[in-house]
Amino acid sequence: MDLSSRQMIVLREPQNGQYATQQVIREGAIPFGIASLHAPLAFPDIQVSVERLLT
């Protein structure tokens, strides 16, 4: 979470001490086609509201 920029940074696929993919989700974003919700890989049935995390 980057609270000063009001965004969530999702890092995936660790390789050699770095991450192969990085996704920045900002307030009001529409990841995965569902308004402002993001499903974690470990729990795909759970959706997390980015706005709720930032407030």
PDB file of N, CA and C in Angstrom:
ATOM      1  N   MET A   1       0.838  -1.168   0.000  1.00  0.00           N
ATOM      2  CA  MET A   1       0.000   0.000   0.000  1.00  0.00           C
ATOM      3  C   MET A   1       0.888   1.239   0.000  1.00  0.00           C
ATOM      4  N   ASP A   2       0.597   2.124  -0.891  1.00  0.00           N
ATOM      5  CA  ASP A   2       1.251   3.430  -0.938  1.00  0.00           C
ATOM      6  C   ASP A   2       0.180   4.447  -0.570  1.00  0.00           C
ATOM      7  N   LEU A   3       0.116   4.760   0.704  1.00  0.00           N
ATOM      8  CA  LEU A   3      -0.953   5.638   1.186  1.00  0.00           C
ATOM      9  C   LEU A   3      -0.812   7.066   0.689  1.00  0.00           C
ATOM     10  N   SER A   4       0.412   7.543   0.534  1.00  0.00           N
ATOM     11  CA  SER A   4       0.589   8.927   0.077  1.00  0.00           C
ATOM     12  C   SER A   4       0.105   9.116  -1.364  1.00  0.00           C
ATOM     13  N   SER A   5       0.233   8.088  -2.188  1.00  0.00           N
ATOM     14  CA  SER A   5      -0.235   8.161  -3.581  1.00  0.00           C
ATOM     15  C   SER A   5      -1.594   7.511  -3.763  1.00  0.00           C
ATOM     16  N   ARG A   6      -2.169   6.985  -2.674  1.00  0.00           N
ATOM     17  CA  ARG A   6      -3.482   6.340  -2.680  1.00  0.00           C
ATOM     18  C   ARG A   6      -3.562   5.257  -3.750  1.00  0.00           C
ATOM     19  N   GLN A   7      -2.640   4.281  -3.647  1.00  0.00           N
ATOM     20  CA  GLN A   7      -2.628   3.181  -4.593  1.00  0.00           C
ATOM     21  C   GLN A   7      -2.110   1.911  -3.916  1.00  0.00           C
ATOM     22  N   MET A   8      -2.486   0.785  -4.496  1.00  0.00           N
ATOM     23  CA  MET A   8      -2.011  -0.504  -4.033  1.00  0.00           C
ATOM     24  C   MET A   8      -1.091  -1.051  -5.112  1.00  0.00           C
ATOM     25  N   ILE A   9       0.065  -1.527  -4.699  1.00  0.00           N
ATOM     26  CA  ILE A   9       1.030  -2.083  -5.636  1.00  0.00           C
ATOM     27  C   ILE A   9       1.081  -3.589  -5.408  1.00  0.00           C
ATOM     28  N   VAL A  10       0.760  -4.348  -6.447  1.00  0.00           N
ATOM     29  CA  VAL A  10       0.736  -5.806  -6.365  1.00  0.00           C
ATOM     30  C   VAL A  10       1.978  -6.329  -7.079  1.00  0.00           C
ATOM     31  N   LEU A  11       2.828  -7.031  -6.325  1.00  0.00           N
ATOM     32  CA  LEU A  11       4.055  -7.598  -6.876  1.00  0.00           C
ATOM     33  C   LEU A  11       3.890  -9.114  -6.929  1.00  0.00           C
ATOM     34  N   ARG A  12       4.211  -9.708  -8.090  1.00  0.00           N
ATOM     35  CA  ARG A  12       4.054 -11.152  -8.272  1.00  0.00           C
ATOM     36  C   ARG A  12       5.252 -11.734  -9.000  1.00  0.00           C
ATOM     37  N   GLU A  13       5.365 -13.020  -8.946  1.00  0.00           N
ATOM     38  CA  GLU A  13       6.391 -13.803  -9.642  1.00  0.00           C
ATOM     39  C   GLU A  13       7.807 -13.399  -9.236  1.00  0.00           C
ATOM     40  N   PRO A  14       8.181 -13.658  -7.958  1.00  0.00           N
ATOM     41  CA  PRO A  14       9.540 -13.321  -7.531  1.00  0.00           C
ATOM     42  C   PRO A  14      10.584 -14.160  -8.275  1.00  0.00           C
ATOM     43  N   GLN A  15      11.610 -13.477  -8.770  1.00  0.00           N
ATOM     44  CA  GLN A  15      12.696 -14.133  -9.497  1.00  0.00           C
ATOM     45  C   GLN A  15      13.997 -13.413  -9.200  1.00  0.00           C
ATOM     46  N   ASN A  16      14.952 -14.118  -8.650  1.00  0.00           N
ATOM     47  CA  ASN A  16      16.289 -13.567  -8.387  1.00  0.00           C
ATOM     48  C   ASN A  16      16.239 -12.282  -7.571  1.00  0.00           C
ATOM     49  N   GLY A  17      15.419 -12.252  -6.539  1.00  0.00           N
ATOM     50  CA  GLY A  17      15.351 -11.095  -5.656  1.00  0.00           C
ATOM     51  C   GLY A  17      14.525  -9.927  -6.179  1.00  0.00           C
ATOM     52  N   GLN A  18      13.882 -10.096  -7.327  1.00  0.00           N
ATOM     53  CA  GLN A  18      13.024  -9.055  -7.885  1.00  0.00           C
ATOM     54  C   GLN A  18      11.695  -9.686  -8.293  1.00  0.00           C
ATOM     55  N   TYR A  19      10.739  -8.861  -8.683  1.00  0.00           N
ATOM     56  CA  TYR A  19       9.429  -9.352  -9.117  1.00  0.00           C
ATOM     57  C   TYR A  19       9.284  -9.174 -10.621  1.00  0.00           C
ATOM     58  N   ALA A  20       8.783 -10.222 -11.272  1.00  0.00           N
ATOM     59  CA  ALA A  20       8.620 -10.186 -12.728  1.00  0.00           C
ATOM     60  C   ALA A  20       7.435  -9.336 -13.145  1.00  0.00           C
ATOM     61  N   THR A  21       6.392  -9.274 -12.307  1.00  0.00           N
ATOM     62  CA  THR A  21       5.231  -8.460 -12.655  1.00  0.00           C
ATOM     63  C   THR A  21       4.889  -7.511 -11.519  1.00  0.00           C
ATOM     64  N   GLN A  22       4.462  -6.336 -11.902  1.00  0.00           N
ATOM     65  CA  GLN A  22       4.015  -5.318 -10.945  1.00  0.00           C
ATOM     66  C   GLN A  22       2.754  -4.681 -11.497  1.00  0.00           C
ATOM     67  N   GLN A  23       1.733  -4.623 -10.657  1.00  0.00           N
ATOM     68  CA  GLN A  23       0.470  -4.000 -11.063  1.00  0.00           C
ATOM     69  C   GLN A  23       0.141  -2.915 -10.047  1.00  0.00           C
ATOM     70  N   VAL A  24      -0.122  -1.712 -10.525  1.00  0.00           N
ATOM     71  CA  VAL A  24      -0.500  -0.595  -9.662  1.00  0.00           C
ATOM     72  C   VAL A  24      -2.005  -0.393  -9.795  1.00  0.00           C
ATOM     73  N   ILE A  25      -2.698  -0.464  -8.660  1.00  0.00           N
ATOM     74  CA  ILE A  25      -4.150  -0.302  -8.652  1.00  0.00           C
ATOM     75  C   ILE A  25      -4.471   0.963  -7.885  1.00  0.00           C
ATOM     76  N   ARG A  26      -5.083   1.899  -8.558  1.00  0.00           N
ATOM     77  CA  ARG A  26      -5.434   3.182  -7.946  1.00  0.00           C
ATOM     78  C   ARG A  26      -6.906   3.194  -7.571  1.00  0.00           C
ATOM     79  N   GLU A  27      -7.226   4.079  -6.690  1.00  0.00           N
ATOM     80  CA  GLU A  27      -8.622   4.279  -6.305  1.00  0.00           C
ATOM     81  C   GLU A  27      -9.444   4.538  -7.569  1.00  0.00           C
ATOM     82  N   GLY A  28     -10.542   3.847  -7.689  1.00  0.00           N
ATOM     83  CA  GLY A  28     -11.401   4.028  -8.855  1.00  0.00           C
ATOM     84  C   GLY A  28     -11.024   3.145 -10.030  1.00  0.00           C
ATOM     85  N   ALA A  29      -9.953   2.352  -9.872  1.00  0.00           N
ATOM     86  CA  ALA A  29      -9.543   1.450 -10.950  1.00  0.00           C
ATOM     87  C   ALA A  29     -10.558   0.323 -11.081  1.00  0.00           C
ATOM     88  N   ILE A  30     -10.539  -0.359 -12.224  1.00  0.00           N
ATOM     89  CA  ILE A  30     -11.466  -1.467 -12.439  1.00  0.00           C
ATOM     90  C   ILE A  30     -10.656  -2.710 -12.819  1.00  0.00           C
ATOM     91  N   PRO A  31      -9.926  -3.300 -11.866  1.00  0.00           N
ATOM     92  CA  PRO A  31      -9.178  -4.518 -12.193  1.00  0.00           C
ATOM     93  C   PRO A  31     -10.105  -5.718 -12.328  1.00  0.00           C
ATOM     94  N   PHE A  32      -9.773  -6.628 -13.208  1.00  0.00           N
ATOM     95  CA  PHE A  32     -10.519  -7.860 -13.430  1.00  0.00           C
ATOM     96  C   PHE A  32     -11.968  -7.619 -13.811  1.00  0.00           C
ATOM     97  N   GLY A  33     -12.316  -6.428 -14.328  1.00  0.00           N
ATOM     98  CA  GLY A  33     -13.657  -6.163 -14.810  1.00  0.00           C
ATOM     99  C   GLY A  33     -14.690  -5.936 -13.723  1.00  0.00           C
ATOM    100  N   ILE A  34     -14.261  -5.866 -12.473  1.00  0.00           N
ATOM    101  CA  ILE A  34     -15.198  -5.637 -11.373  1.00  0.00           C
ATOM    102  C   ILE A  34     -14.817  -4.315 -10.719  1.00  0.00           C
ATOM    103  N   ALA A  35     -15.718  -3.358 -10.710  1.00  0.00           N
ATOM    104  CA  ALA A  35     -15.423  -2.000 -10.252  1.00  0.00           C
ATOM    105  C   ALA A  35     -14.756  -1.989  -8.883  1.00  0.00           C
ATOM    106  N   SER A  36     -13.510  -1.535  -8.862  1.00  0.00           N
ATOM    107  CA  SER A  36     -12.743  -1.269  -7.647  1.00  0.00           C
ATOM    108  C   SER A  36     -12.532  -2.489  -6.755  1.00  0.00           C
ATOM    109  N   LEU A  37     -12.633  -3.673  -7.304  1.00  0.00           N
ATOM    110  CA  LEU A  37     -12.401  -4.877  -6.509  1.00  0.00           C
ATOM    111  C   LEU A  37     -11.229  -5.644  -7.096  1.00  0.00           C
ATOM    112  N   HIS A  38     -10.472  -6.297  -6.219  1.00  0.00           N
ATOM    113  CA  HIS A  38      -9.308  -7.050  -6.643  1.00  0.00           C
ATOM    114  C   HIS A  38      -9.321  -8.397  -5.937  1.00  0.00           C
ATOM    115  N   ALA A  39      -9.138  -9.480  -6.660  1.00  0.00           N
ATOM    116  CA  ALA A  39      -9.145 -10.818  -6.064  1.00  0.00           C
ATOM    117  C   ALA A  39      -7.706 -11.295  -5.877  1.00  0.00           C
ATOM    118  N   PRO A  40      -7.303 -11.587  -4.631  1.00  0.00           N
ATOM    119  CA  PRO A  40      -5.957 -12.097  -4.397  1.00  0.00           C
ATOM    120  C   PRO A  40      -5.798 -13.510  -4.958  1.00  0.00           C
ATOM    121  N   LEU A  41      -4.584 -13.862  -5.379  1.00  0.00           N
ATOM    122  CA  LEU A  41      -4.341 -15.196  -5.933  1.00  0.00           C
ATOM    123  C   LEU A  41      -4.601 -16.291  -4.917  1.00  0.00           C
ATOM    124  N   ALA A  42      -4.224 -16.081  -3.666  1.00  0.00           N
ATOM    125  CA  ALA A  42      -4.372 -17.104  -2.636  1.00  0.00           C
ATOM    126  C   ALA A  42      -5.834 -17.377  -2.285  1.00  0.00           C
ATOM    127  N   PHE A  43      -6.691 -16.366  -2.441  1.00  0.00           N
ATOM    128  CA  PHE A  43      -8.107 -16.488  -2.098  1.00  0.00           C
ATOM    129  C   PHE A  43      -8.950 -15.887  -3.217  1.00  0.00           C
ATOM    130  N   PRO A  44      -9.051 -16.559  -4.367  1.00  0.00           N
ATOM    131  CA  PRO A  44      -9.740 -15.969  -5.526  1.00  0.00           C
ATOM    132  C   PRO A  44     -11.228 -15.721  -5.315  1.00  0.00           C
ATOM    133  N   ASP A  45     -11.835 -16.357  -4.305  1.00  0.00           N
ATOM    134  CA  ASP A  45     -13.262 -16.139  -4.051  1.00  0.00           C
ATOM    135  C   ASP A  45     -13.521 -14.890  -3.213  1.00  0.00           C
ATOM    136  N   ILE A  46     -12.456 -14.285  -2.699  1.00  0.00           N
ATOM    137  CA  ILE A  46     -12.586 -13.079  -1.874  1.00  0.00           C
ATOM    138  C   ILE A  46     -12.206 -11.873  -2.718  1.00  0.00           C
ATOM    139  N   GLN A  47     -13.002 -10.830  -2.654  1.00  0.00           N
ATOM    140  CA  GLN A  47     -12.708  -9.600  -3.381  1.00  0.00           C
ATOM    141  C   GLN A  47     -12.400  -8.502  -2.380  1.00  0.00           C
ATOM    142  N   VAL A  48     -11.374  -7.728  -2.693  1.00  0.00           N
ATOM    143  CA  VAL A  48     -10.923  -6.662  -1.796  1.00  0.00           C
ATOM    144  C   VAL A  48     -11.173  -5.318  -2.472  1.00  0.00           C
ATOM    145  N   SER A  49     -11.835  -4.426  -1.777  1.00  0.00           N
ATOM    146  CA  SER A  49     -12.080  -3.075  -2.282  1.00  0.00           C
ATOM    147  C   SER A  49     -10.851  -2.215  -2.026  1.00  0.00           C
ATOM    148  N   VAL A  50     -10.252  -1.704  -3.083  1.00  0.00           N
ATOM    149  CA  VAL A  50      -9.081  -0.837  -2.931  1.00  0.00           C
ATOM    150  C   VAL A  50      -9.447   0.419  -2.162  1.00  0.00           C
ATOM    151  N   GLU A  51     -10.580   1.002  -2.462  1.00  0.00           N
ATOM    152  CA  GLU A  51     -11.005   2.220  -1.769  1.00  0.00           C
ATOM    153  C   GLU A  51     -11.140   1.983  -0.253  1.00  0.00           C
ATOM    154  N   ARG A  52     -11.661   0.816   0.092  1.00  0.00           N
ATOM    155  CA  ARG A  52     -11.855   0.537   1.528  1.00  0.00           C
ATOM    156  C   ARG A  52     -10.502   0.404   2.243  1.00  0.00           C
ATOM    157  N   LEU A  53      -9.530  -0.184   1.576  1.00  0.00           N
ATOM    158  CA  LEU A  53      -8.201  -0.289   2.165  1.00  0.00           C
ATOM    159  C   LEU A  53      -7.552   1.076   2.347  1.00  0.00           C
ATOM    160  N   LEU A  54      -7.853   2.000   1.459  1.00  0.00           N
ATOM    161  CA  LEU A  54      -7.233   3.323   1.490  1.00  0.00           C
ATOM    162  C   LEU A  54      -7.910   4.302   2.440  1.00  0.00           C
ATOM    163  N   THR A  55      -9.089   3.973   2.943  1.00  0.00           N
ATOM    164  CA  THR A  55      -9.770   4.891   3.848  1.00  0.00           C
ATOM    165  C   THR A  55      -9.583   4.498   5.282  1.00  0.00           C
TER     166      THR A  55
END
